[in-house]
């Protein structure tokens, strides 16, 4: 009487497929994929994929980790990848960590720290010193002191 909704045969998953987050789509939460993803909408969460392309209308509020990344839209968070290409319309507010290649077109807006990470090598003393400077808290502003002026007669 009722059909089963489960497939009668097991299908193998295609892990190399291409996915799309369309312009009208907003995702809340982390996104994980072993394939390629094109992001034209908004993702409020971390993205962990094989390859990612953030189009001019795309936006990520969270970290982005991939082997290869091309950014033409907005990213607010850290970026970790082997190869990173940043287009002229990109706006990035966060640190960028890459292993092999970083290409940036003229006009890109980057507000963050850019670092090439070693491939399994230990950090040198200079790297550790730079990281300590970057991670330091912002200095507190001194409090204003009110000074009363008196007339001398």
N, C-alpha and C. Protein backbone atom coordinates (compact mmCIF):
# COMPACT_ATOMS: atom_id res chain seq x y z
N UNK A 1 0.81 -1.19 0.00
CA UNK A 1 0.00 0.00 0.00
C UNK A 1 0.86 1.27 0.00
N UNK A 2 1.88 1.30 0.86
CA UNK A 2 2.76 2.48 0.91
C UNK A 2 4.09 2.15 0.27
N UNK A 3 4.61 3.12 -0.46
CA UNK A 3 5.94 2.95 -1.04
C UNK A 3 6.98 3.33 0.00
N UNK A 4 8.08 2.68 -0.04
CA UNK A 4 9.17 3.04 0.85
C UNK A 4 9.93 4.24 0.25
N UNK A 5 10.33 5.14 1.10
CA UNK A 5 11.07 6.32 0.64
C UNK A 5 12.57 6.06 0.60
N UNK A 6 12.98 4.95 1.15
CA UNK A 6 14.39 4.60 1.14
C UNK A 6 14.74 3.94 -0.19
N UNK A 7 15.93 4.26 -0.70
CA UNK A 7 16.31 3.61 -1.96
C UNK A 7 16.56 2.13 -1.72
N UNK A 8 16.24 1.32 -2.71
CA UNK A 8 16.42 -0.11 -2.57
C UNK A 8 17.87 -0.52 -2.77
N UNK A 9 18.66 0.34 -3.41
CA UNK A 9 20.07 0.04 -3.61
C UNK A 9 20.92 1.15 -3.01
N UNK A 10 22.09 0.80 -2.56
CA UNK A 10 22.99 1.79 -1.97
C UNK A 10 23.66 2.58 -3.08
N UNK A 11 23.65 3.89 -2.97
CA UNK A 11 24.31 4.74 -3.95
C UNK A 11 25.61 5.27 -3.35
N UNK A 12 26.63 5.33 -4.18
CA UNK A 12 27.90 5.90 -3.73
C UNK A 12 27.80 7.42 -3.83
N UNK A 13 28.30 8.10 -2.81
CA UNK A 13 28.30 9.56 -2.82
C UNK A 13 29.41 10.08 -3.72
N UNK A 14 29.10 11.12 -4.47
CA UNK A 14 30.09 11.78 -5.30
C UNK A 14 30.71 12.91 -4.49
N UNK A 15 31.92 12.71 -4.00
CA UNK A 15 32.56 13.69 -3.13
C UNK A 15 33.22 14.82 -3.90
N UNK A 16 33.17 14.81 -5.21
CA UNK A 16 33.82 15.85 -5.99
C UNK A 16 32.81 16.80 -6.62
N UNK A 17 31.57 16.78 -6.15
CA UNK A 17 30.53 17.62 -6.72
C UNK A 17 30.73 19.09 -6.39
N UNK A 18 30.04 19.94 -7.13
CA UNK A 18 30.11 21.39 -6.94
C UNK A 18 28.79 21.84 -6.34
N UNK A 19 28.83 22.58 -5.25
CA UNK A 19 27.63 23.07 -4.58
C UNK A 19 27.55 24.58 -4.71
N UNK A 20 26.34 25.12 -4.53
CA UNK A 20 26.12 26.56 -4.66
C UNK A 20 25.28 27.07 -3.50
N UNK A 21 25.75 28.13 -2.88
CA UNK A 21 24.94 28.89 -1.94
C UNK A 21 24.49 30.12 -2.72
N UNK A 22 23.24 30.12 -3.15
CA UNK A 22 22.72 31.16 -4.02
C UNK A 22 22.60 32.52 -3.34
N UNK A 23 22.41 33.56 -4.16
CA UNK A 23 22.33 34.93 -3.67
C UNK A 23 21.22 35.14 -2.65
N UNK A 24 20.14 34.40 -2.77
CA UNK A 24 18.99 34.59 -1.88
C UNK A 24 19.03 33.68 -0.66
N UNK A 25 20.13 32.93 -0.49
CA UNK A 25 20.23 31.97 0.61
C UNK A 25 21.09 32.51 1.73
N UNK A 26 20.60 32.35 2.96
CA UNK A 26 21.38 32.71 4.15
C UNK A 26 21.46 31.48 5.03
N UNK A 27 22.69 31.04 5.35
CA UNK A 27 22.91 29.88 6.20
C UNK A 27 23.38 30.32 7.57
N UNK A 28 22.82 29.69 8.61
CA UNK A 28 23.25 29.94 9.98
C UNK A 28 23.89 28.66 10.49
N UNK A 29 25.19 28.70 10.77
CA UNK A 29 25.90 27.51 11.26
C UNK A 29 27.05 27.14 10.36
N UNK A 30 27.81 26.13 10.79
CA UNK A 30 28.99 25.71 10.06
C UNK A 30 28.61 24.92 8.81
N UNK A 31 29.46 25.02 7.79
CA UNK A 31 29.25 24.32 6.53
C UNK A 31 30.48 23.47 6.26
N UNK A 32 30.26 22.17 6.00
CA UNK A 32 31.36 21.25 5.72
C UNK A 32 31.05 20.51 4.43
N UNK A 33 32.07 20.39 3.56
CA UNK A 33 31.91 19.67 2.30
C UNK A 33 33.27 19.18 1.84
N UNK A 34 33.29 17.97 1.27
CA UNK A 34 34.54 17.47 0.71
C UNK A 34 34.69 17.89 -0.74
N UNK A 35 33.72 18.63 -1.26
CA UNK A 35 33.75 19.07 -2.64
C UNK A 35 34.04 20.56 -2.77
N UNK A 36 33.60 21.11 -3.89
CA UNK A 36 33.81 22.51 -4.23
C UNK A 36 32.51 23.27 -3.97
N UNK A 37 32.63 24.51 -3.49
CA UNK A 37 31.43 25.31 -3.22
C UNK A 37 31.61 26.72 -3.76
N UNK A 38 30.54 27.22 -4.38
CA UNK A 38 30.47 28.62 -4.82
C UNK A 38 29.52 29.33 -3.87
N UNK A 39 30.00 30.43 -3.28
CA UNK A 39 29.20 31.14 -2.28
C UNK A 39 28.79 32.50 -2.86
N UNK A 40 27.49 32.64 -3.11
CA UNK A 40 26.94 33.91 -3.61
C UNK A 40 26.01 34.53 -2.57
N UNK A 41 25.65 33.78 -1.55
CA UNK A 41 24.77 34.26 -0.49
C UNK A 41 25.56 34.55 0.77
N UNK A 42 24.87 34.48 1.92
CA UNK A 42 25.47 34.79 3.22
C UNK A 42 25.58 33.54 4.07
N UNK A 43 26.77 33.32 4.65
CA UNK A 43 26.98 32.22 5.59
C UNK A 43 27.43 32.83 6.91
N UNK A 44 26.62 32.64 7.95
CA UNK A 44 26.98 33.05 9.31
C UNK A 44 27.49 31.82 10.04
N UNK A 45 28.76 31.51 9.86
CA UNK A 45 29.35 30.33 10.47
C UNK A 45 30.66 30.00 9.77
N UNK A 46 31.32 28.98 10.24
CA UNK A 46 32.60 28.57 9.68
C UNK A 46 32.38 27.68 8.47
N UNK A 47 33.31 27.77 7.50
CA UNK A 47 33.22 27.00 6.27
C UNK A 47 34.47 26.12 6.14
N UNK A 48 34.26 24.80 6.02
CA UNK A 48 35.34 23.84 5.86
C UNK A 48 35.08 23.05 4.58
N UNK A 49 35.81 23.35 3.50
CA UNK A 49 35.57 22.73 2.20
C UNK A 49 36.89 22.43 1.50
N UNK A 50 36.81 21.68 0.39
CA UNK A 50 37.99 21.40 -0.40
C UNK A 50 38.42 22.64 -1.17
N UNK A 51 37.47 23.21 -1.92
CA UNK A 51 37.73 24.44 -2.67
C UNK A 51 36.54 25.36 -2.50
N UNK A 52 36.80 26.68 -2.46
CA UNK A 52 35.71 27.65 -2.30
C UNK A 52 35.93 28.85 -3.19
N UNK A 53 34.81 29.35 -3.72
CA UNK A 53 34.81 30.60 -4.47
C UNK A 53 33.75 31.49 -3.85
N UNK A 54 34.15 32.66 -3.36
CA UNK A 54 33.21 33.63 -2.82
C UNK A 54 33.01 34.69 -3.89
N UNK A 55 31.80 34.74 -4.46
CA UNK A 55 31.52 35.68 -5.54
C UNK A 55 31.35 37.09 -4.98
N UNK A 56 31.16 38.07 -5.87
CA UNK A 56 31.01 39.46 -5.44
C UNK A 56 29.83 39.66 -4.51
N UNK A 57 28.78 38.87 -4.66
CA UNK A 57 27.61 38.99 -3.79
C UNK A 57 27.71 38.10 -2.56
N UNK A 58 28.75 37.26 -2.48
CA UNK A 58 28.91 36.31 -1.39
C UNK A 58 29.53 36.93 -0.15
N UNK A 59 29.17 36.36 1.01
CA UNK A 59 29.68 36.87 2.27
C UNK A 59 29.77 35.74 3.29
N UNK A 60 30.89 35.70 4.03
CA UNK A 60 31.09 34.73 5.10
C UNK A 60 31.43 35.49 6.36
N UNK A 61 30.69 35.18 7.44
CA UNK A 61 31.01 35.72 8.77
C UNK A 61 31.44 34.55 9.62
N UNK A 62 32.71 34.24 9.54
CA UNK A 62 33.29 33.09 10.24
C UNK A 62 34.57 32.72 9.54
N UNK A 63 35.26 31.71 10.05
CA UNK A 63 36.52 31.31 9.44
C UNK A 63 36.26 30.48 8.19
N UNK A 64 37.23 30.48 7.28
CA UNK A 64 37.16 29.76 6.03
C UNK A 64 38.41 28.91 5.91
N UNK A 65 38.23 27.57 5.81
CA UNK A 65 39.35 26.66 5.67
C UNK A 65 39.14 25.82 4.42
N UNK A 66 40.15 25.82 3.52
CA UNK A 66 40.07 25.07 2.27
C UNK A 66 41.47 24.86 1.73
N UNK A 67 41.59 24.00 0.72
CA UNK A 67 42.89 23.85 0.07
C UNK A 67 43.11 24.98 -0.92
N UNK A 68 42.03 25.43 -1.58
CA UNK A 68 42.12 26.50 -2.56
C UNK A 68 40.93 27.44 -2.39
N UNK A 69 41.20 28.75 -2.38
CA UNK A 69 40.15 29.75 -2.14
C UNK A 69 40.30 30.89 -3.14
N UNK A 70 39.16 31.33 -3.69
CA UNK A 70 39.13 32.54 -4.50
C UNK A 70 38.06 33.44 -3.90
N UNK A 71 38.44 34.68 -3.56
CA UNK A 71 37.53 35.59 -2.88
C UNK A 71 37.33 36.84 -3.71
N UNK A 72 36.06 37.12 -4.03
CA UNK A 72 35.68 38.35 -4.71
C UNK A 72 34.63 39.10 -3.90
N UNK A 73 34.16 38.53 -2.81
CA UNK A 73 33.13 39.13 -1.97
C UNK A 73 33.69 39.51 -0.60
N UNK A 74 32.88 39.29 0.45
CA UNK A 74 33.24 39.68 1.82
C UNK A 74 33.54 38.45 2.69
N UNK A 75 34.58 38.57 3.51
CA UNK A 75 34.89 37.56 4.51
C UNK A 75 35.26 38.28 5.80
N UNK A 76 34.53 37.97 6.87
CA UNK A 76 34.85 38.50 8.21
C UNK A 76 35.25 37.33 9.07
N UNK A 77 36.55 37.05 9.12
CA UNK A 77 37.06 35.93 9.89
C UNK A 77 38.38 35.48 9.32
N UNK A 78 38.98 34.49 9.96
CA UNK A 78 40.28 33.98 9.52
C UNK A 78 40.13 33.11 8.29
N UNK A 79 41.16 33.16 7.44
CA UNK A 79 41.19 32.35 6.23
C UNK A 79 42.44 31.48 6.28
N UNK A 80 42.25 30.16 6.11
CA UNK A 80 43.35 29.21 6.08
C UNK A 80 43.26 28.44 4.76
N UNK A 81 44.32 28.47 3.93
CA UNK A 81 44.30 27.72 2.68
C UNK A 81 45.72 27.56 2.14
N UNK A 82 45.88 26.57 1.26
CA UNK A 82 47.17 26.39 0.60
C UNK A 82 47.35 27.47 -0.47
N UNK A 83 46.30 27.70 -1.27
CA UNK A 83 46.34 28.69 -2.34
C UNK A 83 45.18 29.66 -2.15
N UNK A 84 45.48 30.96 -2.14
CA UNK A 84 44.45 31.98 -1.96
C UNK A 84 44.57 33.01 -3.08
N UNK A 85 43.44 33.30 -3.73
CA UNK A 85 43.38 34.34 -4.75
C UNK A 85 42.35 35.37 -4.27
N UNK A 86 42.78 36.63 -4.17
CA UNK A 86 41.91 37.70 -3.68
C UNK A 86 41.67 38.67 -4.82
N UNK A 87 40.41 38.79 -5.24
CA UNK A 87 40.04 39.65 -6.35
C UNK A 87 39.98 41.12 -5.96
N UNK A 88 39.87 41.99 -6.97
CA UNK A 88 39.90 43.43 -6.74
C UNK A 88 38.70 43.94 -5.96
N UNK A 89 37.57 43.21 -5.96
CA UNK A 89 36.37 43.64 -5.24
C UNK A 89 36.25 43.01 -3.86
N UNK A 90 37.24 42.24 -3.45
CA UNK A 90 37.18 41.53 -2.17
C UNK A 90 37.34 42.49 -0.99
N UNK A 91 36.61 42.19 0.08
CA UNK A 91 36.74 42.90 1.35
C UNK A 91 36.95 41.84 2.42
N UNK A 92 38.13 41.87 3.06
CA UNK A 92 38.47 40.86 4.05
C UNK A 92 38.80 41.56 5.36
N UNK A 93 38.11 41.16 6.42
CA UNK A 93 38.39 41.66 7.76
C UNK A 93 38.74 40.46 8.62
N UNK A 94 40.02 40.14 8.63
CA UNK A 94 40.50 38.99 9.38
C UNK A 94 41.87 38.58 8.90
N UNK A 95 42.48 37.68 9.63
CA UNK A 95 43.83 37.23 9.32
C UNK A 95 43.81 36.19 8.20
N UNK A 96 44.88 36.18 7.40
CA UNK A 96 45.01 35.28 6.27
C UNK A 96 46.26 34.42 6.49
N UNK A 97 46.06 33.10 6.45
CA UNK A 97 47.17 32.15 6.59
C UNK A 97 47.20 31.27 5.35
N UNK A 98 48.34 31.24 4.65
CA UNK A 98 48.45 30.44 3.43
C UNK A 98 49.73 29.63 3.45
N UNK A 99 49.75 28.49 2.72
CA UNK A 99 50.92 27.62 2.68
C UNK A 99 51.75 27.82 1.43
N UNK A 100 51.10 27.92 0.25
CA UNK A 100 51.85 27.95 -0.99
C UNK A 100 51.80 29.30 -1.69
N UNK A 101 50.59 29.77 -2.06
CA UNK A 101 50.47 30.94 -2.93
C UNK A 101 49.41 31.89 -2.41
N UNK A 102 49.71 33.19 -2.48
CA UNK A 102 48.74 34.24 -2.19
C UNK A 102 48.83 35.24 -3.34
N UNK A 103 47.71 35.43 -4.05
CA UNK A 103 47.64 36.40 -5.14
C UNK A 103 46.57 37.42 -4.78
N UNK A 104 46.93 38.69 -4.88
CA UNK A 104 45.99 39.76 -4.55
C UNK A 104 45.94 40.75 -5.71
N UNK A 105 44.73 41.03 -6.17
CA UNK A 105 44.57 42.03 -7.21
C UNK A 105 44.51 43.43 -6.60
N UNK A 106 44.95 44.41 -7.36
CA UNK A 106 44.93 45.79 -6.90
C UNK A 106 43.49 46.23 -6.67
N UNK A 107 43.22 46.83 -5.53
CA UNK A 107 41.88 47.30 -5.19
C UNK A 107 41.24 46.50 -4.08
N UNK A 108 41.80 45.34 -3.76
CA UNK A 108 41.24 44.52 -2.68
C UNK A 108 41.43 45.23 -1.35
N UNK A 109 40.45 45.10 -0.46
CA UNK A 109 40.48 45.74 0.86
C UNK A 109 40.72 44.66 1.91
N UNK A 110 41.92 44.67 2.49
CA UNK A 110 42.29 43.65 3.47
C UNK A 110 42.65 44.34 4.78
N UNK A 111 41.94 43.96 5.84
CA UNK A 111 42.21 44.49 7.17
C UNK A 111 42.52 43.30 8.07
N UNK A 112 43.80 42.94 8.13
CA UNK A 112 44.19 41.79 8.94
C UNK A 112 45.65 41.47 8.73
N UNK A 113 46.08 40.46 9.39
CA UNK A 113 47.45 39.99 9.39
C UNK A 113 47.59 38.91 8.33
N UNK A 114 48.63 38.97 7.50
CA UNK A 114 48.86 37.97 6.46
C UNK A 114 50.13 37.21 6.81
N UNK A 115 50.04 35.88 6.82
CA UNK A 115 51.19 35.06 7.20
C UNK A 115 51.26 33.80 6.37
N UNK A 116 52.45 33.52 5.89
CA UNK A 116 52.70 32.24 5.23
C UNK A 116 53.08 31.25 6.32
N UNK A 117 52.35 30.16 6.38
CA UNK A 117 52.63 29.16 7.41
C UNK A 117 53.57 28.11 6.85
N UNK A 118 54.43 27.62 7.71
CA UNK A 118 55.43 26.63 7.29
C UNK A 118 54.76 25.28 7.09
N UNK A 119 55.33 24.51 6.21
CA UNK A 119 54.82 23.16 5.97
C UNK A 119 55.49 22.18 6.94
N UNK A 120 54.98 22.12 8.15
CA UNK A 120 55.50 21.18 9.13
C UNK A 120 56.76 21.64 9.83
N UNK A 121 57.28 22.81 9.52
CA UNK A 121 58.48 23.31 10.17
C UNK A 121 58.11 23.99 11.48
N UNK A 122 59.01 23.95 12.44
CA UNK A 122 58.74 24.62 13.70
C UNK A 122 58.91 26.12 13.52
N UNK A 123 58.21 26.89 14.34
CA UNK A 123 58.28 28.34 14.25
C UNK A 123 59.66 28.84 14.66
N UNK A 124 60.17 29.80 13.92
CA UNK A 124 61.44 30.41 14.27
C UNK A 124 61.19 31.42 15.40
N UNK A 125 62.27 31.90 16.00
CA UNK A 125 62.12 32.88 17.08
C UNK A 125 61.45 34.15 16.58
N UNK A 126 61.76 34.53 15.32
CA UNK A 126 61.16 35.73 14.74
C UNK A 126 59.64 35.56 14.59
N UNK A 127 59.19 34.38 14.11
CA UNK A 127 57.75 34.11 13.96
C UNK A 127 57.04 34.19 15.30
N UNK A 128 57.66 33.63 16.33
CA UNK A 128 57.06 33.64 17.66
C UNK A 128 56.97 35.06 18.19
N UNK A 129 58.02 35.88 17.95
CA UNK A 129 58.01 37.27 18.41
C UNK A 129 56.93 38.07 17.69
N UNK A 130 56.76 37.85 16.38
CA UNK A 130 55.73 38.57 15.62
C UNK A 130 54.35 38.18 16.10
N UNK A 131 54.11 36.88 16.34
CA UNK A 131 52.81 36.43 16.82
C UNK A 131 52.50 37.03 18.19
N UNK A 132 53.52 37.16 19.05
CA UNK A 132 53.30 37.75 20.37
C UNK A 132 52.89 39.21 20.25
N UNK A 133 53.47 39.93 19.30
CA UNK A 133 53.12 41.33 19.10
C UNK A 133 51.69 41.44 18.59
N UNK A 134 51.32 40.60 17.63
CA UNK A 134 49.98 40.64 17.04
C UNK A 134 48.91 40.29 18.07
N UNK A 135 49.19 39.32 18.93
CA UNK A 135 48.19 38.84 19.89
C UNK A 135 48.07 39.72 21.13
N UNK A 136 48.95 40.70 21.28
CA UNK A 136 48.89 41.60 22.43
C UNK A 136 47.59 42.36 22.46
N UNK A 137 47.08 42.59 23.64
CA UNK A 137 45.83 43.35 23.79
C UNK A 137 46.08 44.82 23.46
N UNK A 138 45.03 45.47 23.02
CA UNK A 138 45.11 46.90 22.73
C UNK A 138 45.44 47.64 24.03
N UNK A 139 46.33 48.63 23.98
CA UNK A 139 46.64 49.37 25.20
C UNK A 139 45.42 50.19 25.64
N UNK A 140 45.26 50.28 26.96
CA UNK A 140 44.14 51.06 27.49
C UNK A 140 44.44 52.54 27.35
N UNK A 141 43.38 53.29 27.06
CA UNK A 141 43.54 54.74 26.93
C UNK A 141 43.65 55.34 28.33
N UNK A 142 44.54 56.33 28.49
CA UNK A 142 44.66 56.95 29.81
C UNK A 142 43.39 57.73 30.15
N UNK A 143 43.07 57.74 31.44
CA UNK A 143 41.89 58.48 31.89
C UNK A 143 42.19 59.97 31.87
N UNK A 144 41.17 60.73 31.53
CA UNK A 144 41.32 62.19 31.52
C UNK A 144 41.35 62.69 32.95
N UNK A 145 42.23 63.62 33.23
CA UNK A 145 42.35 64.20 34.55
C UNK A 145 41.89 65.65 34.46
N UNK A 146 40.95 66.00 35.31
CA UNK A 146 40.42 67.37 35.32
C UNK A 146 41.33 68.22 36.20
N UNK A 147 41.81 69.33 35.66
CA UNK A 147 42.69 70.22 36.40
C UNK A 147 41.92 71.53 36.63
N UNK A 148 41.81 71.91 37.88
CA UNK A 148 41.11 73.15 38.19
C UNK A 148 42.08 74.32 38.05
N UNK A 149 41.65 75.36 37.39
CA UNK A 149 42.47 76.56 37.23
C UNK A 149 42.03 77.60 38.26
N UNK A 150 43.02 78.24 38.91
CA UNK A 150 42.69 79.29 39.86
C UNK A 150 43.35 80.58 39.41
N UNK A 151 42.64 81.67 39.67
CA UNK A 151 43.22 82.97 39.34
C UNK A 151 44.16 83.38 40.46
N UNK A 152 45.27 83.91 40.07
CA UNK A 152 46.22 84.40 41.05
C UNK A 152 46.04 85.90 41.13
N UNK A 153 45.77 86.40 42.33
CA UNK A 153 45.55 87.84 42.47
C UNK A 153 46.64 88.49 43.28
